[in-house]
Amino acid sequence: MDLNIRKAVIHNISDNDKDQLRNTIVDAIQDGQEKMLPGLGVLFEVIWNESDENLRNQMVDNLEKGV
């Protein structure tokens, strides 16, 4: 079976507006289920790839503070 999580996640949110995207992230975090982690990872990958170096540095700083 060929399962491409990246493609599935992107397909499922491709027509979402900003509010829907935010709700997807908040719901996944609040739900706290392990099965949501791969999807959040895909979303983070998209965010990372769409960010400039300053935003990437800010994300890493925030991550360092959080862990």
C-alpha atoms as a PDB file:
ATOM      1  CA  MET A   1       0.000   0.000   0.000  1.00  0.00           C
ATOM      2  CA  ASP A   2       1.387   3.381  -1.025  1.00  0.00           C
ATOM      3  CA  LEU A   3       0.484   5.930   1.657  1.00  0.00           C
ATOM      4  CA  ASN A   4       1.678   9.463   1.096  1.00  0.00           C
ATOM      5  CA  ILE A   5       0.824  11.418   4.227  1.00  0.00           C
ATOM      6  CA  ARG A   6       2.121  14.697   2.803  1.00  0.00           C
ATOM      7  CA  LYS A   7      -0.138  14.522  -0.247  1.00  0.00           C
ATOM      8  CA  ALA A   8      -3.149  13.438   1.813  1.00  0.00           C
ATOM      9  CA  VAL A   9      -2.762  16.252   4.352  1.00  0.00           C
ATOM     10  CA  ILE A  10      -2.201  18.896   1.671  1.00  0.00           C
ATOM     11  CA  HIS A  11      -5.177  17.596  -0.305  1.00  0.00           C
ATOM     12  CA  ASN A  12      -7.421  17.718   2.777  1.00  0.00           C
ATOM     13  CA  ILE A  13      -6.629  21.368   3.541  1.00  0.00           C
ATOM     14  CA  SER A  14      -5.948  22.785   0.088  1.00  0.00           C
ATOM     15  CA  ASP A  15      -9.257  24.668  -0.104  1.00  0.00           C
ATOM     16  CA  ASN A  16      -9.274  25.902   3.497  1.00  0.00           C
ATOM     17  CA  ASP A  17      -9.253  29.593   4.347  1.00  0.00           C
ATOM     18  CA  LYS A  18      -7.165  31.121   7.156  1.00  0.00           C
ATOM     19  CA  ASP A  19      -9.768  30.478   9.849  1.00  0.00           C
ATOM     20  CA  GLN A  20     -10.150  26.855   8.818  1.00  0.00           C
ATOM     21  CA  LEU A  21      -6.381  26.370   8.788  1.00  0.00           C
ATOM     22  CA  ARG A  22      -6.083  27.894  12.253  1.00  0.00           C
ATOM     23  CA  ASN A  23      -8.911  25.710  13.545  1.00  0.00           C
ATOM     24  CA  THR A  24      -7.258  22.620  12.073  1.00  0.00           C
ATOM     25  CA  ILE A  25      -4.035  23.387  13.949  1.00  0.00           C
ATOM     26  CA  VAL A  26      -5.749  24.324  17.225  1.00  0.00           C
ATOM     27  CA  ASP A  27      -8.033  21.284  17.129  1.00  0.00           C
ATOM     28  CA  ALA A  28      -5.132  18.932  16.434  1.00  0.00           C
ATOM     29  CA  ILE A  29      -3.112  20.350  19.328  1.00  0.00           C
ATOM     30  CA  GLN A  30      -6.019  20.451  21.779  1.00  0.00           C
ATOM     31  CA  ASP A  31      -7.116  16.934  20.846  1.00  0.00           C
ATOM     32  CA  GLY A  32      -3.657  15.698  21.812  1.00  0.00           C
ATOM     33  CA  GLN A  33      -3.921  12.426  19.922  1.00  0.00           C
ATOM     34  CA  GLU A  34      -0.710  10.875  18.646  1.00  0.00           C
ATOM     35  CA  LYS A  35      -2.317  10.192  15.274  1.00  0.00           C
ATOM     36  CA  MET A  36      -2.449  13.961  14.631  1.00  0.00           C
ATOM     37  CA  LEU A  37       1.323  14.425  14.912  1.00  0.00           C
ATOM     38  CA  PRO A  38       2.207  13.421  11.328  1.00  0.00           C
ATOM     39  CA  GLY A  39      -0.323  15.918   9.975  1.00  0.00           C
ATOM     40  CA  LEU A  40       1.031  18.677  12.174  1.00  0.00           C
ATOM     41  CA  GLY A  41       4.496  17.768  10.948  1.00  0.00           C
ATOM     42  CA  VAL A  42       3.366  18.237   7.358  1.00  0.00           C
ATOM     43  CA  LEU A  43       1.848  21.609   8.225  1.00  0.00           C
ATOM     44  CA  PHE A  44       5.068  22.659   9.949  1.00  0.00           C
ATOM     45  CA  GLU A  45       7.037  21.601   6.877  1.00  0.00           C
ATOM     46  CA  VAL A  46       4.846  23.842   4.693  1.00  0.00           C
ATOM     47  CA  ILE A  47       5.237  26.748   7.108  1.00  0.00           C
ATOM     48  CA  TRP A  48       9.009  26.250   7.248  1.00  0.00           C
ATOM     49  CA  ASN A  49       9.334  26.096   3.464  1.00  0.00           C
ATOM     50  CA  GLU A  50       7.251  29.268   3.033  1.00  0.00           C
ATOM     51  CA  SER A  51       9.187  31.250   5.657  1.00  0.00           C
ATOM     52  CA  ASP A  52      12.184  33.488   5.186  1.00  0.00           C
ATOM     53  CA  GLU A  53      15.320  33.104   7.278  1.00  0.00           C
ATOM     54  CA  ASN A  54      14.153  35.608   9.910  1.00  0.00           C
ATOM     55  CA  LEU A  55      10.923  33.709  10.518  1.00  0.00           C
ATOM     56  CA  ARG A  56      12.809  30.418  10.602  1.00  0.00           C
ATOM     57  CA  ASN A  57      15.147  31.819  13.245  1.00  0.00           C
ATOM     58  CA  GLN A  58      12.151  33.038  15.246  1.00  0.00           C
ATOM     59  CA  MET A  59      10.536  29.585  15.052  1.00  0.00           C
ATOM     60  CA  VAL A  60      13.748  27.938  16.242  1.00  0.00           C
ATOM     61  CA  ASP A  61      14.020  30.479  19.090  1.00  0.00           C
ATOM     62  CA  ASN A  62      10.432  29.735  20.108  1.00  0.00           C
ATOM     63  CA  LEU A  63      11.079  26.020  19.907  1.00  0.00           C
ATOM     64  CA  GLU A  64      14.160  26.370  22.094  1.00  0.00           C
ATOM     65  CA  LYS A  65      12.122  28.309  24.673  1.00  0.00           C
ATOM     66  CA  GLY A  66       9.381  25.699  24.603  1.00  0.00           C
ATOM     67  CA  VAL A  67      11.588  22.693  25.168  1.00  0.00           C
END
